Amino acid sequence: MNDPSRDLIQLGLRRAWLLWSAMFATIVVFVVMVQFFASQLAVASGPAGLGDRLTYVFFGIAALAFFVSIMIRRQMLRGSPLAAGQAAPSTRPAAAAVGRYLMAVVVSNALAESIAVIAIVTLILGFDRATSYTLVFISAAAMLILRPRLAELAAYANALQRR
């Protein structure tokens, strides 16, 4: 890959890391909220009669969001960002790859971050902190799996350049 493309990929990766860091910082804020404001946010001691079922529902949603975020990212990086039959100048594949990669990072990590939002909802509903911490941990694990990678971006840019 030529130098302008490499520089563009490096710049794109820095932007992806900046976006990812901001989203991961939100999870840290959620942990702080769970730790310091749990007693003030709880409206009750837990949903009467529905506690176990709601816990299963929330963990099911979290598991689904975890796997869907990974699959969405794979699907978004599988296709071509260029229109069918469109001829690409020498630097366009790298720019298109960076744009598509940034979009994949944001969409997949936003879905992974939504699991932490569920943790705040459980806290507000009066579930115990362990449930909230577990959901935040699942969210953080998904985001760590989906962190930006230079090899992934470079491979995607190379695949576009060969087309």
Protein backbone atom coordinates (compact mmCIF):
# COMPACT_ATOMS: atom_id res chain seq x y z
CA MET A 1 0.00 0.00 0.00
CA ASN A 2 1.36 3.45 -0.90
CA ASP A 3 2.29 6.16 1.62
CA PRO A 4 -0.80 8.40 1.28
CA SER A 5 -3.01 5.38 1.85
CA ARG A 6 -0.98 4.29 4.87
CA ASP A 7 -1.18 7.80 6.34
CA LEU A 8 -4.93 7.88 5.72
CA ILE A 9 -5.34 4.51 7.42
CA GLN A 10 -3.29 5.67 10.42
CA LEU A 11 -5.42 8.81 10.70
CA GLY A 12 -8.59 6.75 10.41
CA LEU A 13 -7.39 4.36 13.10
CA ARG A 14 -6.67 7.29 15.45
CA ARG A 15 -10.19 8.58 14.88
CA ALA A 16 -11.61 5.11 15.51
CA TRP A 17 -9.67 4.89 18.77
CA LEU A 18 -10.91 8.34 19.80
CA LEU A 19 -14.53 7.31 19.17
CA TRP A 20 -14.05 3.99 20.91
CA SER A 21 -12.39 5.65 23.92
CA ALA A 22 -15.26 8.10 24.32
CA MET A 23 -17.78 5.27 24.18
CA PHE A 24 -15.79 3.17 26.65
CA ALA A 25 -15.52 6.16 28.99
CA THR A 26 -19.31 6.19 29.09
CA ILE A 27 -19.23 2.68 30.53
CA VAL A 28 -16.84 3.89 33.22
CA VAL A 29 -19.36 6.63 34.04
CA PHE A 30 -22.05 3.95 34.31
CA VAL A 31 -19.89 2.04 36.82
CA VAL A 32 -19.47 5.21 38.86
CA MET A 33 -23.23 5.76 38.74
CA VAL A 34 -23.88 2.22 39.93
CA GLN A 35 -21.36 2.59 42.74
CA PHE A 36 -22.30 6.00 44.11
CA PHE A 37 -25.93 6.52 43.21
CA ALA A 38 -27.44 3.04 43.61
CA SER A 39 -29.32 3.88 46.78
CA GLN A 40 -30.68 7.15 45.37
CA LEU A 41 -31.72 5.70 41.99
CA ALA A 42 -33.59 2.65 43.24
CA VAL A 43 -37.32 3.35 43.29
CA ALA A 44 -38.13 0.13 45.13
CA SER A 45 -36.48 -2.96 46.50
CA GLY A 46 -37.12 -4.71 43.20
CA PRO A 47 -40.05 -5.43 40.96
CA ALA A 48 -42.51 -7.51 42.96
CA GLY A 49 -43.14 -10.91 41.44
CA LEU A 50 -41.34 -10.15 38.18
CA GLY A 51 -37.77 -9.90 39.47
CA ASP A 52 -36.48 -13.26 38.26
CA ARG A 53 -38.29 -13.10 34.94
CA LEU A 54 -37.11 -9.56 34.24
CA THR A 55 -33.56 -10.54 35.14
CA TYR A 56 -33.72 -13.34 32.56
CA VAL A 57 -35.20 -10.96 30.00
CA PHE A 58 -32.48 -8.36 30.59
CA PHE A 59 -29.70 -10.94 30.40
CA GLY A 60 -31.27 -12.39 27.25
CA ILE A 61 -31.35 -8.94 25.65
CA ALA A 62 -27.75 -8.38 26.73
CA ALA A 63 -26.60 -11.70 25.24
CA LEU A 64 -28.47 -10.97 22.02
CA ALA A 65 -26.97 -7.47 21.78
CA PHE A 66 -23.50 -8.91 22.46
CA PHE A 67 -23.65 -11.36 19.55
CA VAL A 68 -25.55 -9.05 17.20
CA SER A 69 -22.96 -6.29 17.67
CA ILE A 70 -20.21 -8.69 16.61
CA MET A 71 -22.22 -9.93 13.62
CA ILE A 72 -23.15 -6.41 12.51
CA ARG A 73 -19.52 -5.39 12.48
CA ARG A 74 -18.56 -8.43 10.42
CA GLN A 75 -21.37 -7.79 7.96
CA MET A 76 -20.54 -4.09 7.62
CA LEU A 77 -16.90 -4.89 6.84
CA ARG A 78 -17.80 -7.63 4.39
CA GLY A 79 -19.44 -5.43 1.75
CA SER A 80 -17.98 -2.82 -0.53
CA PRO A 81 -18.55 0.87 0.24
CA LEU A 82 -18.16 1.73 -3.43
CA ALA A 83 -21.14 1.62 -5.75
CA ALA A 84 -21.28 -1.31 -8.14
CA GLY A 85 -19.30 -0.66 -11.29
CA GLN A 86 -17.77 2.56 -9.96
CA ALA A 87 -14.13 3.02 -10.84
CA ALA A 88 -12.02 4.04 -7.84
CA PRO A 89 -9.05 6.39 -8.00
CA SER A 90 -5.88 5.17 -6.28
CA THR A 91 -6.59 6.89 -2.94
CA ARG A 92 -10.36 6.37 -2.90
CA PRO A 93 -10.31 2.75 -1.67
CA ALA A 94 -8.38 3.74 1.47
CA ALA A 95 -10.70 6.69 2.16
CA ALA A 96 -13.75 4.52 1.57
CA ALA A 97 -12.33 1.81 3.81
CA VAL A 98 -11.66 4.29 6.63
CA GLY A 99 -15.16 5.74 6.38
CA ARG A 100 -16.80 2.34 6.38
CA TYR A 101 -14.57 1.17 9.24
CA LEU A 102 -15.44 4.20 11.37
CA MET A 103 -19.13 3.56 10.75
CA ALA A 104 -18.72 -0.11 11.71
CA VAL A 105 -16.88 0.83 14.91
CA VAL A 106 -19.55 3.32 15.96
CA VAL A 107 -22.55 1.12 15.15
CA SER A 108 -21.20 -2.08 16.70
CA ASN A 109 -19.91 -0.35 19.83
CA ALA A 110 -23.13 1.63 20.28
CA LEU A 111 -25.01 -1.65 20.34
CA ALA A 112 -22.50 -3.08 22.82
CA GLU A 113 -22.80 0.07 24.93
CA SER A 114 -26.58 -0.31 25.04
CA ILE A 115 -26.02 -3.28 27.36
CA ALA A 116 -24.62 -0.84 29.95
CA VAL A 117 -27.76 1.27 29.53
CA ILE A 118 -29.75 -1.83 30.48
CA ALA A 119 -27.61 -2.02 33.62
CA ILE A 120 -28.70 1.49 34.59
CA VAL A 121 -32.32 0.52 33.93
CA THR A 122 -31.96 -2.47 36.26
CA LEU A 123 -30.50 -0.19 38.89
CA ILE A 124 -33.39 2.26 38.56
CA LEU A 125 -35.88 -0.61 38.78
CA GLY A 126 -34.33 -1.65 42.07
CA PHE A 127 -32.32 -4.73 41.12
CA ASP A 128 -29.20 -5.48 43.10
CA ARG A 129 -25.82 -4.05 42.18
CA ALA A 130 -24.51 -7.47 41.16
CA THR A 131 -26.99 -7.61 38.28
CA SER A 132 -26.00 -4.11 37.16
CA TYR A 133 -22.28 -4.84 37.45
CA THR A 134 -22.66 -8.06 35.48
CA LEU A 135 -24.43 -6.25 32.65
CA VAL A 136 -21.77 -3.51 32.64
CA PHE A 137 -19.07 -6.20 32.53
CA ILE A 138 -20.77 -7.85 29.52
CA SER A 139 -20.91 -4.44 27.81
CA ALA A 140 -17.23 -3.75 28.52
CA ALA A 141 -16.24 -7.22 27.28
CA ALA A 142 -18.12 -6.66 24.03
CA MET A 143 -16.46 -3.29 23.55
CA LEU A 144 -13.01 -4.75 24.21
CA ILE A 145 -13.66 -7.46 21.62
CA LEU A 146 -14.84 -4.80 19.15
CA ARG A 147 -11.97 -2.36 19.73
CA PRO A 148 -10.37 -0.83 16.61
CA ARG A 149 -7.50 -2.81 15.10
CA LEU A 150 -4.94 -1.66 12.55
CA ALA A 151 -4.71 -5.10 10.96
CA GLU A 152 -8.48 -5.24 10.46
CA LEU A 153 -8.60 -1.78 8.86
CA ALA A 154 -5.54 -2.43 6.68
CA ALA A 155 -6.95 -5.78 5.51
CA TYR A 156 -10.25 -4.13 4.61
CA ALA A 157 -8.45 -1.33 2.71
CA ASN A 158 -6.32 -3.89 0.86
CA ALA A 159 -9.40 -5.89 -0.09
CA LEU A 160 -11.02 -2.74 -1.51
CA GLN A 161 -7.88 -1.79 -3.40
CA ARG A 162 -7.78 -5.20 -5.10
CA ARG A 163 -11.38 -4.84 -6.35
